């Protein structure tokens, strides 16, 4: 019963925040967790006498300085054990060695073994102590799941400091007449009361079905709008300009939050880009220009001049490719990658899900020069977790095995088609490697070449873009000096028409069915 005070904390950590394979607790890539119990997912049995944080420090130090790995370490402490001097020795150690991969969670439920603790629920006491030791510190309601998710996400982005989360909780939470009551620590509940409590809990369960959560789906254009709003909260220099497309690009999310930093430029894309260029002079603002990617072709001259001026401007083009669907060919950007690839020093992001889109926005905001972010209209599954890290010029190998026969490279909607094709092919005992480019420029040539060599020199690119100037051409150019690597391209050929997105991907040969066919033909040759 006592442990119910940390129920929400544990749920958020294991089902939202931590990178953890439940079926493989010893996986070296798993995040680490320290708890005063001995369970399959706990690496060290520390007891409750304040030893856990020291062990967590050892894990975090090993991860940062010896393994140089990305795993993080989480330690849940009770407020009682924080009376132990060893806890504060560990706090000093973690701060001294800048263990920014360590998070300590103080479960402040007010009660100890025999009575109330001196600070009780005075959270500022714990906050001041942790901050005095040099820790980045958050004070939260330990029952607020949304806030817990947010602070753990923020902790993941703190550099050179460990993070403490001071959570106000209640012992035996949710149990009538026992919650926040003294003299129940370690005592057994009488059977008749236990039965009544179990029935109460069962009455609150809303379904008797086995819950099998599916990955959330969200369009990258919407994820981009949400990311802009989040970025606007973090940096008051961020502004957004839109050309009367805000309800489709989702830049209206930013406008609702920060109307004073939103500039409506109407259907005048050339002027919109020029205004953005002016706003960014002397680094006064961090500007994002948002419209349909097809409409940015009208402003190519302004974009070109912006590059010559070495302007720090970020352009977001939504509704790319035939996956736009029923909106028709006038809305389908099929030449935008070629256009931006021709711009000197332009970084091109092509995210494939909501998580990578958010990272693209944040990276663009902190990158010198011009950036272009290509987003899509259809909703697609989220394939990355919150802890995934992204870097400019670094592709993601999202599926691989030692038996892979072909490397398939996609981005945006075609990455999801490639993953679907990989599933179909695996049922036929054909394994393929799937790469998500993330940035088209600069290109991760090293990952592409190493993957190609591991798959017999066979590369298949698939893109929702014309073949001229797109992903296929940039990959082919990157590997052109290696005679043992061949590149086959699937791209949109011919003038498109309106229709359902899935039908158009099929008609123009860039869906999972065509990828399967292309892989088989490559293997026959």
Protein backbone atom coordinates (compact mmCIF):
# COMPACT_ATOMS: atom_id res chain seq x y z
CA UNK A 1 0.00 0.00 0.00
CA UNK A 2 2.76 2.43 0.88
CA UNK A 3 4.23 2.17 -2.61
CA UNK A 4 1.01 3.42 -4.22
CA UNK A 5 2.28 6.96 -3.64
CA UNK A 6 4.67 6.44 -6.56
CA UNK A 7 2.22 4.66 -8.88
CA UNK A 8 1.96 7.53 -11.37
CA UNK A 9 5.72 8.14 -11.29
CA UNK A 10 6.44 4.50 -12.08
CA UNK A 11 3.80 4.39 -14.81
CA UNK A 12 5.19 7.47 -16.56
CA UNK A 13 8.76 6.22 -16.34
CA UNK A 14 8.15 2.72 -17.65
CA UNK A 15 5.34 3.33 -20.11
CA UNK A 16 6.29 6.75 -21.47
CA UNK A 17 9.73 8.10 -20.58
CA UNK A 18 12.23 5.27 -20.32
CA UNK A 19 13.77 3.53 -23.30
CA UNK A 20 13.27 -0.01 -22.07
CA UNK A 21 12.60 -3.41 -23.66
CA UNK A 22 10.44 -5.24 -21.16
CA UNK A 23 11.13 -8.62 -22.76
CA UNK A 24 14.88 -8.03 -22.49
CA UNK A 25 15.72 -6.43 -19.11
CA UNK A 26 19.47 -6.93 -19.61
CA UNK A 27 19.59 -5.14 -22.97
CA UNK A 28 22.63 -2.80 -22.87
CA UNK A 29 20.66 -0.01 -24.56
CA UNK A 30 17.97 0.01 -21.86
CA UNK A 31 17.71 2.97 -19.55
CA UNK A 32 18.60 2.04 -15.96
CA UNK A 33 16.30 2.18 -12.94
CA UNK A 34 17.17 2.04 -9.23
CA UNK A 35 14.50 1.20 -6.63
CA UNK A 36 14.82 -0.11 -3.08
CA UNK A 37 13.48 -3.57 -4.10
CA UNK A 38 14.90 -6.58 -5.99
CA UNK A 39 12.93 -7.10 -9.19
CA UNK A 40 13.88 -8.20 -12.72
CA UNK A 41 14.13 -4.62 -13.94
CA UNK A 42 16.22 -3.38 -10.97
CA UNK A 43 19.97 -3.77 -11.31
CA UNK A 44 21.02 -3.18 -7.71
CA UNK A 45 19.27 -4.29 -4.50
CA UNK A 46 19.99 -1.23 -2.35
CA UNK A 47 17.49 -1.59 0.47
CA UNK A 48 15.92 1.61 1.79
CA UNK A 49 18.87 3.13 3.65
CA UNK A 50 19.94 5.73 1.15
CA UNK A 51 22.32 3.62 -0.95
CA UNK A 52 20.39 3.72 -4.20
CA UNK A 53 21.46 7.15 -5.43
CA UNK A 54 25.15 6.29 -5.00
CA UNK A 55 24.68 3.18 -7.14
CA UNK A 56 22.78 5.28 -9.69
CA UNK A 57 25.73 7.68 -9.76
CA UNK A 58 28.02 4.77 -10.59
CA UNK A 59 25.76 3.67 -13.44
CA UNK A 60 25.47 7.21 -14.80
CA UNK A 61 29.23 7.79 -14.56
CA UNK A 62 29.85 4.51 -16.42
CA UNK A 63 27.34 5.40 -19.10
CA UNK A 64 28.71 8.89 -19.69
CA UNK A 65 32.45 8.42 -19.37
CA UNK A 66 33.20 4.71 -19.96
CA UNK A 67 30.46 3.39 -22.27
CA UNK A 68 29.83 6.81 -23.86
CA UNK A 69 26.31 5.49 -24.33
CA UNK A 70 22.91 7.15 -24.63
CA UNK A 71 21.15 5.27 -21.84
CA UNK A 72 19.87 7.27 -18.89
CA UNK A 73 19.64 6.38 -15.21
CA UNK A 74 16.58 6.98 -13.02
CA UNK A 75 16.57 6.58 -9.24
CA UNK A 76 13.43 6.69 -7.09
CA UNK A 77 14.06 7.75 -3.49
CA UNK A 78 11.79 7.97 -0.48
CA UNK A 79 11.75 11.12 1.60
CA UNK A 80 12.64 9.07 4.69
CA UNK A 81 15.91 7.81 3.26
CA UNK A 82 16.92 11.33 2.29
CA UNK A 83 17.87 11.81 5.95
CA UNK A 84 20.85 9.55 5.25
CA UNK A 85 24.10 11.40 4.64
CA UNK A 86 24.97 9.04 1.79
CA UNK A 87 22.17 10.56 -0.29
CA UNK A 88 23.76 14.01 -0.07
CA UNK A 89 27.22 12.61 -0.73
CA UNK A 90 25.79 11.15 -3.93
CA UNK A 91 24.19 14.49 -4.80
CA UNK A 92 27.57 16.18 -4.49
CA UNK A 93 29.26 13.46 -6.58
CA UNK A 94 26.72 13.69 -9.42
CA UNK A 95 26.97 17.46 -9.57
CA UNK A 96 30.76 17.45 -9.55
CA UNK A 97 30.93 15.04 -12.48
CA UNK A 98 28.11 16.75 -14.44
CA UNK A 99 26.04 13.55 -14.69
CA UNK A 100 23.33 14.95 -16.97
CA UNK A 101 22.20 11.39 -17.74
CA UNK A 102 20.96 10.96 -14.14
CA UNK A 103 17.50 11.76 -12.75
CA UNK A 104 16.67 11.38 -9.05
CA UNK A 105 12.98 11.34 -8.13
CA UNK A 106 12.10 12.20 -4.52
CA UNK A 107 8.80 10.54 -3.55
CA UNK A 108 7.81 13.07 -0.88
CA UNK A 109 4.80 11.40 0.75
CA UNK A 110 5.33 13.09 4.16
CA UNK A 111 5.33 9.94 6.28
CA UNK A 112 8.17 7.78 7.51
CA UNK A 113 8.11 4.42 9.24
CA UNK A 114 6.75 5.66 12.54
CA UNK A 115 5.40 9.11 11.87
CA UNK A 116 5.66 12.35 9.92
CA UNK A 117 9.06 13.54 8.73
CA UNK A 118 10.35 16.99 9.76
CA UNK A 119 9.87 18.71 6.36
CA UNK A 120 6.50 16.96 5.83
CA UNK A 121 5.17 18.39 2.52
CA UNK A 122 7.41 21.49 2.43
CA UNK A 123 8.74 20.76 -1.04
CA UNK A 124 10.77 23.95 -1.19
CA UNK A 125 13.06 22.48 1.50
CA UNK A 126 14.00 19.60 -0.80
CA UNK A 127 14.20 21.94 -3.79
CA UNK A 128 16.62 24.34 -2.09
CA UNK A 129 18.80 21.49 -0.87
CA UNK A 130 19.06 19.90 -4.33
CA UNK A 131 19.71 23.24 -6.02
CA UNK A 132 22.39 24.04 -3.46
CA UNK A 133 24.18 20.88 -4.55
CA UNK A 134 24.08 22.08 -8.17
CA UNK A 135 21.18 19.98 -9.44
CA UNK A 136 18.61 21.12 -12.00
CA UNK A 137 15.41 20.74 -9.92
CA UNK A 138 11.68 20.52 -10.67
CA UNK A 139 8.86 20.51 -8.11
CA UNK A 140 5.75 18.65 -9.28
CA UNK A 141 2.50 17.10 -8.16
CA UNK A 142 3.40 13.41 -8.20
CA UNK A 143 -0.16 12.54 -9.23
CA UNK A 144 -0.12 14.73 -12.35
CA UNK A 145 0.80 12.40 -15.20
CA UNK A 146 0.99 15.13 -17.86
CA UNK A 147 3.36 17.24 -15.75
CA UNK A 148 5.54 14.22 -14.97
CA UNK A 149 5.83 13.46 -18.69
CA UNK A 150 6.83 17.07 -19.34
CA UNK A 151 9.53 17.33 -16.66
CA UNK A 152 11.12 14.01 -17.62
CA UNK A 153 11.18 15.25 -21.22
CA UNK A 154 12.81 18.50 -20.10
CA UNK A 155 15.35 16.63 -17.98
CA UNK A 156 16.46 14.74 -21.07
CA UNK A 157 17.54 18.04 -22.61
CA UNK A 158 19.48 19.47 -19.67
CA UNK A 159 23.23 19.49 -20.24
CA UNK A 160 26.04 19.26 -17.66
CA UNK A 161 23.72 18.96 -14.64
CA UNK A 162 21.90 16.03 -13.02
CA UNK A 163 18.17 16.51 -12.51
CA UNK A 164 16.09 16.12 -9.34
CA UNK A 165 12.31 15.77 -9.49
CA UNK A 166 10.70 16.59 -6.14
CA UNK A 167 7.24 15.03 -6.26
CA UNK A 168 4.49 15.68 -3.73
CA UNK A 169 2.69 12.39 -3.15
CA UNK A 170 0.49 10.70 -0.55
CA UNK A 171 1.21 7.41 1.15
CA UNK A 172 -1.34 4.66 0.39
CA UNK A 173 -2.88 6.92 -2.25
CA UNK A 174 -6.40 5.97 -3.29
CA UNK A 175 -7.14 3.76 -0.28
CA UNK A 176 -10.00 5.13 1.89
CA UNK A 177 -9.15 5.85 5.53
CA UNK A 178 -5.54 4.83 4.94
CA UNK A 179 -4.28 7.46 2.50
CA UNK A 180 -1.92 9.93 4.24
CA UNK A 181 -2.60 8.23 7.61
CA UNK A 182 0.11 7.36 10.13
CA UNK A 183 0.97 3.93 11.58
CA UNK A 184 0.24 1.89 8.44
CA UNK A 185 3.81 1.48 7.23
CA UNK A 186 4.64 -2.21 6.79
CA UNK A 187 1.39 -3.38 8.32
CA UNK A 188 -0.91 -5.96 6.79
CA UNK A 189 -4.41 -4.87 5.87
CA UNK A 190 -7.15 -6.98 7.52
CA UNK A 191 -8.72 -9.35 4.97
CA UNK A 192 -12.21 -7.85 5.08
CA UNK A 193 -10.86 -4.36 4.47
CA UNK A 194 -8.49 -5.61 1.76
CA UNK A 195 -11.39 -7.30 -0.08
CA UNK A 196 -13.41 -4.07 0.00
CA UNK A 197 -10.47 -2.07 -1.33
CA UNK A 198 -9.91 -4.55 -4.17
CA UNK A 199 -13.57 -4.28 -5.16
CA UNK A 200 -13.31 -0.49 -5.11
CA UNK A 201 -10.29 -0.59 -7.39
CA UNK A 202 -11.96 -3.08 -9.74
CA UNK A 203 -15.02 -0.84 -9.98
CA UNK A 204 -12.79 1.94 -11.34
CA UNK A 205 -11.41 -0.19 -14.20
CA UNK A 206 -13.26 0.88 -17.31
CA UNK A 207 -12.60 -2.19 -19.47
CA UNK A 208 -11.91 -5.89 -19.07
CA UNK A 209 -10.21 -6.14 -22.45
CA UNK A 210 -6.50 -6.73 -22.82
CA UNK A 211 -5.10 -3.35 -23.74
CA UNK A 212 -2.77 -3.44 -26.74
CA UNK A 213 -1.93 0.20 -27.44
CA UNK A 214 -1.16 0.99 -31.06
CA UNK A 215 1.43 3.58 -32.03
CA UNK A 216 -0.14 7.04 -32.26
CA UNK A 217 -0.58 8.49 -35.72
CA UNK A 218 -0.15 12.15 -36.56
CA UNK A 219 0.67 14.09 -39.70
CA UNK A 220 4.12 15.63 -39.72
CA UNK A 221 2.55 18.96 -40.75
CA UNK A 222 0.57 18.97 -37.48
CA UNK A 223 3.59 17.83 -35.48
CA UNK A 224 5.43 20.79 -36.99
CA UNK A 225 2.77 23.21 -35.77
CA UNK A 226 2.90 21.73 -32.28
CA UNK A 227 6.70 21.90 -32.27
CA UNK A 228 6.64 25.57 -33.27
CA UNK A 229 4.35 26.34 -30.34
CA UNK A 230 6.63 24.45 -27.96
CA UNK A 231 9.66 26.25 -29.35
CA UNK A 232 7.86 29.57 -28.98
CA UNK A 233 7.39 28.83 -25.30
CA UNK A 234 11.10 28.13 -24.86
CA UNK A 235 12.34 31.13 -26.86
CA UNK A 236 10.54 34.47 -27.13
CA UNK A 237 12.61 35.38 -30.22
CA UNK A 238 10.81 32.77 -32.32
CA UNK A 239 8.34 34.19 -34.86
CA UNK A 240 6.17 32.48 -37.48
CA UNK A 241 5.04 33.85 -40.84
CA UNK A 242 2.31 32.18 -42.91
CA UNK A 243 0.75 32.77 -46.31
CA UNK A 244 -2.96 32.23 -45.56
CA UNK A 245 -2.49 28.49 -45.04
CA UNK A 246 -2.27 28.42 -41.23
CA UNK A 247 -5.25 26.09 -40.75
CA UNK A 248 -3.62 23.53 -43.07
CA UNK A 249 0.00 23.94 -42.01
CA UNK A 250 -1.11 24.06 -38.34
CA UNK A 251 0.87 27.23 -37.75
CA UNK A 252 -2.39 28.48 -36.25
CA UNK A 253 -1.40 26.56 -33.10
CA UNK A 254 1.49 28.99 -32.71
CA UNK A 255 -0.77 31.95 -33.51
CA UNK A 256 -3.23 31.02 -30.76
CA UNK A 257 -0.41 30.82 -28.21
CA UNK A 258 1.63 33.82 -29.35
CA UNK A 259 -0.48 36.10 -31.61
CA UNK A 260 1.97 38.97 -31.14
CA UNK A 261 4.73 36.87 -32.75
CA UNK A 262 2.67 35.61 -35.70
CA UNK A 263 2.72 37.49 -39.02
CA UNK A 264 -0.05 36.79 -41.53
CA UNK A 265 1.39 37.53 -44.99
CA UNK A 266 -1.59 36.28 -47.02
CA UNK A 267 -1.10 34.80 -50.50
CA UNK A 268 2.09 36.71 -51.24
CA UNK A 269 4.90 34.21 -50.83
CA UNK A 270 7.62 36.38 -52.37
CA UNK A 271 6.98 39.20 -49.93
CA UNK A 272 6.61 36.74 -47.04
CA UNK A 273 10.13 35.42 -47.57
CA UNK A 274 11.51 38.96 -47.89
CA UNK A 275 9.76 40.02 -44.68
CA UNK A 276 11.23 37.01 -42.88
CA UNK A 277 14.69 37.93 -44.16
CA UNK A 278 14.25 41.43 -42.77
CA UNK A 279 13.02 40.14 -39.43
CA UNK A 280 16.11 37.98 -38.98
CA UNK A 281 18.69 40.68 -39.62
CA UNK A 282 21.15 41.21 -36.76
CA UNK A 283 19.82 37.93 -35.28
CA UNK A 284 16.85 39.82 -33.90
CA UNK A 285 14.43 36.93 -34.41
CA UNK A 286 14.34 33.23 -35.22
CA UNK A 287 11.93 33.15 -38.15
CA UNK A 288 9.92 30.23 -39.56
CA UNK A 289 8.11 30.71 -42.88
CA UNK A 290 5.21 28.27 -43.25
CA UNK A 291 3.16 27.47 -46.36
CA UNK A 292 2.48 24.69 -48.87
CA UNK A 293 5.79 23.52 -50.31
CA UNK A 294 4.49 23.99 -53.85
CA UNK A 295 3.91 27.69 -53.23
CA UNK A 296 7.53 28.28 -52.20
CA UNK A 297 8.53 27.89 -55.85
CA UNK A 298 7.04 31.36 -56.39
CA UNK A 299 9.61 32.79 -53.98
CA UNK A 300 12.70 31.09 -55.39
CA UNK A 301 14.40 34.38 -56.24
CA UNK A 302 13.89 35.67 -52.67
CA UNK A 303 15.15 32.35 -51.28
CA UNK A 304 18.22 32.54 -53.54
CA UNK A 305 18.98 36.09 -52.41
CA UNK A 306 18.51 35.00 -48.80
CA UNK A 307 21.20 32.39 -49.26
CA UNK A 308 23.54 34.92 -50.85
CA UNK A 309 22.89 37.19 -47.85
CA UNK A 310 23.74 34.27 -45.55
CA UNK A 311 20.42 34.78 -43.80
CA UNK A 312 19.30 32.56 -40.92
CA UNK A 313 15.82 31.70 -42.12
CA UNK A 314 13.77 28.53 -41.74
CA UNK A 315 11.23 27.54 -44.36
CA UNK A 316 8.55 24.88 -43.78
CA UNK A 317 6.88 23.33 -46.82
CA UNK A 318 3.85 21.13 -46.18
CA UNK A 319 1.66 19.09 -48.54
CA UNK A 320 4.54 17.54 -50.45
CA UNK A 321 4.17 14.82 -53.06
CA UNK A 322 1.25 12.88 -54.50
CA UNK A 323 0.31 11.84 -50.95
CA UNK A 324 -1.48 15.21 -50.78
CA UNK A 325 -4.29 13.24 -52.42
CA UNK A 326 -7.61 14.87 -53.23
CA UNK A 327 -6.24 18.44 -53.16
CA UNK A 328 -4.92 17.82 -56.64
CA UNK A 329 -1.67 18.35 -58.59
CA UNK A 330 -1.54 22.14 -58.14
CA UNK A 331 -0.95 21.58 -54.42
CA UNK A 332 1.57 18.74 -54.81
CA UNK A 333 5.20 19.76 -54.30
CA UNK A 334 7.24 17.35 -56.42
CA UNK A 335 10.22 19.56 -57.25
CA UNK A 336 10.92 21.25 -53.90
CA UNK A 337 13.85 19.00 -52.91
CA UNK A 338 15.56 19.80 -56.20
CA UNK A 339 15.00 23.50 -55.63
CA UNK A 340 16.41 23.57 -52.10
CA UNK A 341 19.27 21.20 -52.90
CA UNK A 342 20.44 23.84 -55.38
CA UNK A 343 20.62 26.48 -52.63
CA UNK A 344 24.17 26.71 -51.21
CA UNK A 345 24.56 25.83 -47.54
CA UNK A 346 20.87 24.96 -47.18
CA UNK A 347 20.06 22.22 -44.65
CA UNK A 348 17.13 20.05 -45.78
CA UNK A 349 15.12 18.15 -43.16
CA UNK A 350 12.66 15.48 -44.26
CA UNK A 351 11.17 14.03 -41.04
CA UNK A 352 9.10 10.85 -41.10
CA UNK A 353 7.09 11.01 -37.89
CA UNK A 354 6.01 13.42 -35.16
CA UNK A 355 9.10 12.89 -32.98
CA UNK A 356 11.61 13.49 -35.77
CA UNK A 357 9.59 16.51 -36.91
CA UNK A 358 9.89 18.12 -33.51
CA UNK A 359 13.63 17.52 -33.53
CA UNK A 360 13.88 18.99 -37.03
CA UNK A 361 12.20 22.20 -35.85
CA UNK A 362 14.46 22.52 -32.82
CA UNK A 363 17.60 21.76 -34.83
CA UNK A 364 16.62 24.27 -37.52
CA UNK A 365 16.14 26.98 -34.92
CA UNK A 366 19.72 26.47 -33.76
CA UNK A 367 21.38 26.07 -37.16
CA UNK A 368 23.12 28.87 -39.00
CA UNK A 369 22.08 29.55 -42.57
CA UNK A 370 18.95 28.52 -44.43
CA UNK A 371 16.92 25.45 -43.41
CA UNK A 372 14.06 23.74 -45.20
CA UNK A 373 11.68 21.33 -43.44
CA UNK A 374 9.54 19.15 -45.72
CA UNK A 375 6.31 17.90 -44.10
CA UNK A 376 3.51 15.66 -45.32
CA UNK A 377 -0.28 15.79 -45.24
CA UNK A 378 -1.22 12.17 -44.35
CA UNK A 379 -1.24 10.93 -40.78
CA UNK A 380 1.58 8.46 -40.16
CA UNK A 381 2.57 6.26 -37.24
CA UNK A 382 5.04 7.49 -34.63
CA UNK A 383 8.05 5.18 -34.97
CA UNK A 384 10.55 6.86 -32.66
CA UNK A 385 10.35 7.27 -28.89
CA UNK A 386 10.80 10.48 -26.97
CA UNK A 387 14.37 9.63 -26.02
CA UNK A 388 15.61 9.21 -29.60
CA UNK A 389 18.35 11.65 -30.50
CA UNK A 390 18.67 13.29 -33.93
CA UNK A 391 21.54 15.11 -35.55
CA UNK A 392 21.95 16.97 -38.82
CA UNK A 393 23.57 14.70 -41.40
CA UNK A 394 22.86 11.52 -39.46
CA UNK A 395 20.46 8.97 -40.94
CA UNK A 396 18.56 6.36 -38.93
CA UNK A 397 18.79 2.64 -39.69
CA UNK A 398 15.29 1.77 -38.51
CA UNK A 399 15.31 -1.90 -39.51
CA UNK A 400 18.27 -4.23 -40.01
CA UNK A 401 19.58 -7.76 -39.60
CA UNK A 402 22.62 -9.74 -40.62
CA UNK A 403 20.55 -11.35 -43.38
CA UNK A 404 19.56 -8.13 -45.20
CA UNK A 405 19.74 -8.39 -48.99
CA UNK A 406 18.85 -4.84 -50.09
CA UNK A 407 19.12 -1.39 -48.46
CA UNK A 408 15.90 0.58 -48.96
CA UNK A 409 16.11 4.34 -48.36
CA UNK A 410 13.05 6.47 -47.80
CA UNK A 411 11.83 9.58 -45.98
CA UNK A 412 8.45 10.94 -44.99
CA UNK A 413 5.55 8.78 -46.18
CA UNK A 414 7.80 6.49 -48.23
CA UNK A 415 9.66 5.40 -45.09
CA UNK A 416 6.40 3.95 -43.80
CA UNK A 417 5.82 2.25 -47.16
CA UNK A 418 9.33 0.78 -46.92
CA UNK A 419 8.64 -0.56 -43.43
CA UNK A 420 5.39 -2.11 -44.64
CA UNK A 421 7.26 -3.68 -47.55
CA UNK A 422 9.85 -5.07 -45.14
CA UNK A 423 7.09 -6.81 -43.20
CA UNK A 424 5.66 -8.33 -46.39
CA UNK A 425 9.07 -9.47 -47.59
CA UNK A 426 9.97 -11.00 -44.22
CA UNK A 427 7.03 -13.38 -44.62
CA UNK A 428 8.76 -14.55 -47.79
CA UNK A 429 12.10 -14.97 -45.99
CA UNK A 430 13.57 -11.87 -47.62
CA UNK A 431 15.20 -9.37 -45.27
CA UNK A 432 15.81 -5.76 -46.21
CA UNK A 433 17.53 -2.91 -44.40
CA UNK A 434 15.48 0.30 -44.08
CA UNK A 435 17.08 3.74 -43.70
CA UNK A 436 15.37 6.99 -42.75
CA UNK A 437 17.48 9.83 -44.17
CA UNK A 438 16.14 12.54 -41.79
CA UNK A 439 18.30 15.12 -43.58
CA UNK A 440 18.55 15.01 -47.35
CA UNK A 441 21.28 17.66 -47.20
CA UNK A 442 23.78 17.06 -45.75
CA UNK A 443 23.51 13.38 -46.59
CA UNK A 444 24.76 10.63 -44.28
CA UNK A 445 26.97 9.05 -46.93
CA UNK A 446 28.88 6.88 -44.44
CA UNK A 447 25.75 5.11 -43.19
CA UNK A 448 24.46 4.62 -46.72
CA UNK A 449 27.72 3.12 -48.01
CA UNK A 450 28.23 0.84 -45.00
CA UNK A 451 24.66 -0.42 -45.28
CA UNK A 452 25.02 -0.95 -49.02
CA UNK A 453 28.17 -3.01 -48.55
CA UNK A 454 26.36 -5.12 -45.94
CA UNK A 455 23.53 -5.82 -48.40
CA UNK A 456 25.43 -6.88 -51.50
CA UNK A 457 25.88 -3.37 -52.86
CA UNK A 458 22.15 -3.05 -53.58
CA UNK A 459 20.34 0.23 -52.81
CA UNK A 460 16.72 1.08 -53.57
CA UNK A 461 15.54 4.66 -53.05
CA UNK A 462 11.84 5.48 -52.88
CA UNK A 463 10.49 9.03 -52.76
CA UNK A 464 7.32 11.06 -53.11
CA UNK A 465 9.09 13.48 -55.47
CA UNK A 466 10.09 13.68 -59.10
CA UNK A 467 13.26 11.69 -59.90
CA UNK A 468 15.08 14.83 -61.03
CA UNK A 469 16.90 16.40 -58.10
CA UNK A 470 15.38 14.15 -55.47
CA UNK A 471 16.57 11.53 -52.99
CA UNK A 472 17.53 8.99 -55.63
CA UNK A 473 19.85 11.36 -57.44
CA UNK A 474 21.57 12.60 -54.30
CA UNK A 475 22.16 9.02 -53.07
CA UNK A 476 23.41 7.93 -56.49
CA UNK A 477 25.85 10.85 -56.58
CA UNK A 478 27.10 10.02 -53.09
CA UNK A 479 28.02 6.42 -53.96
CA UNK A 480 29.03 7.02 -57.59
CA UNK A 481 32.73 6.41 -56.94
CA UNK A 482 32.12 2.90 -55.62
CA UNK A 483 31.73 0.48 -58.55
CA UNK A 484 30.33 -2.25 -56.29
CA UNK A 485 27.22 -0.26 -55.33
CA UNK A 486 24.19 0.08 -57.60
CA UNK A 487 21.23 2.39 -56.99
CA UNK A 488 17.70 1.71 -58.23
CA UNK A 489 15.14 4.49 -57.93
CA UNK A 490 11.40 4.60 -57.36
CA UNK A 491 9.99 8.11 -57.80
CA UNK A 492 6.91 9.90 -59.12
CA UNK A 493 7.07 9.94 -62.92
CA UNK A 494 4.64 11.86 -65.08
CA UNK A 495 2.09 14.56 -64.29
CA UNK A 496 0.05 13.59 -61.22
CA UNK A 497 -3.71 13.83 -60.72
CA UNK A 498 -6.06 14.00 -57.76
CA UNK A 499 -7.21 10.95 -55.83
CA UNK A 500 -6.89 9.14 -52.53
CA UNK A 501 -3.34 9.24 -51.15
CA UNK A 502 -2.94 5.46 -50.98
CA UNK A 503 -4.21 5.08 -54.54
CA UNK A 504 -1.85 7.73 -55.88
CA UNK A 505 1.18 6.21 -54.13
CA UNK A 506 0.27 2.97 -55.89
CA UNK A 507 -0.45 4.56 -59.28
CA UNK A 508 2.89 6.36 -59.29
CA UNK A 509 4.84 3.37 -58.05
CA UNK A 510 6.12 4.49 -54.65
CA UNK A 511 4.08 2.32 -52.26
CA UNK A 512 4.89 -0.89 -50.39
CA UNK A 513 3.68 -3.12 -53.23
CA UNK A 514 6.08 -1.54 -55.71
CA UNK A 515 8.94 -1.67 -53.23
CA UNK A 516 8.38 -5.42 -52.79
CA UNK A 517 8.42 -5.87 -56.55
CA UNK A 518 11.54 -3.78 -57.03
CA UNK A 519 13.43 -5.69 -54.32
CA UNK A 520 12.58 -9.01 -55.92
CA UNK A 521 13.71 -7.81 -59.34
CA UNK A 522 16.99 -6.58 -57.89
CA UNK A 523 17.63 -9.96 -56.29
CA UNK A 524 16.88 -11.79 -59.56
CA UNK A 525 19.55 -9.70 -61.29
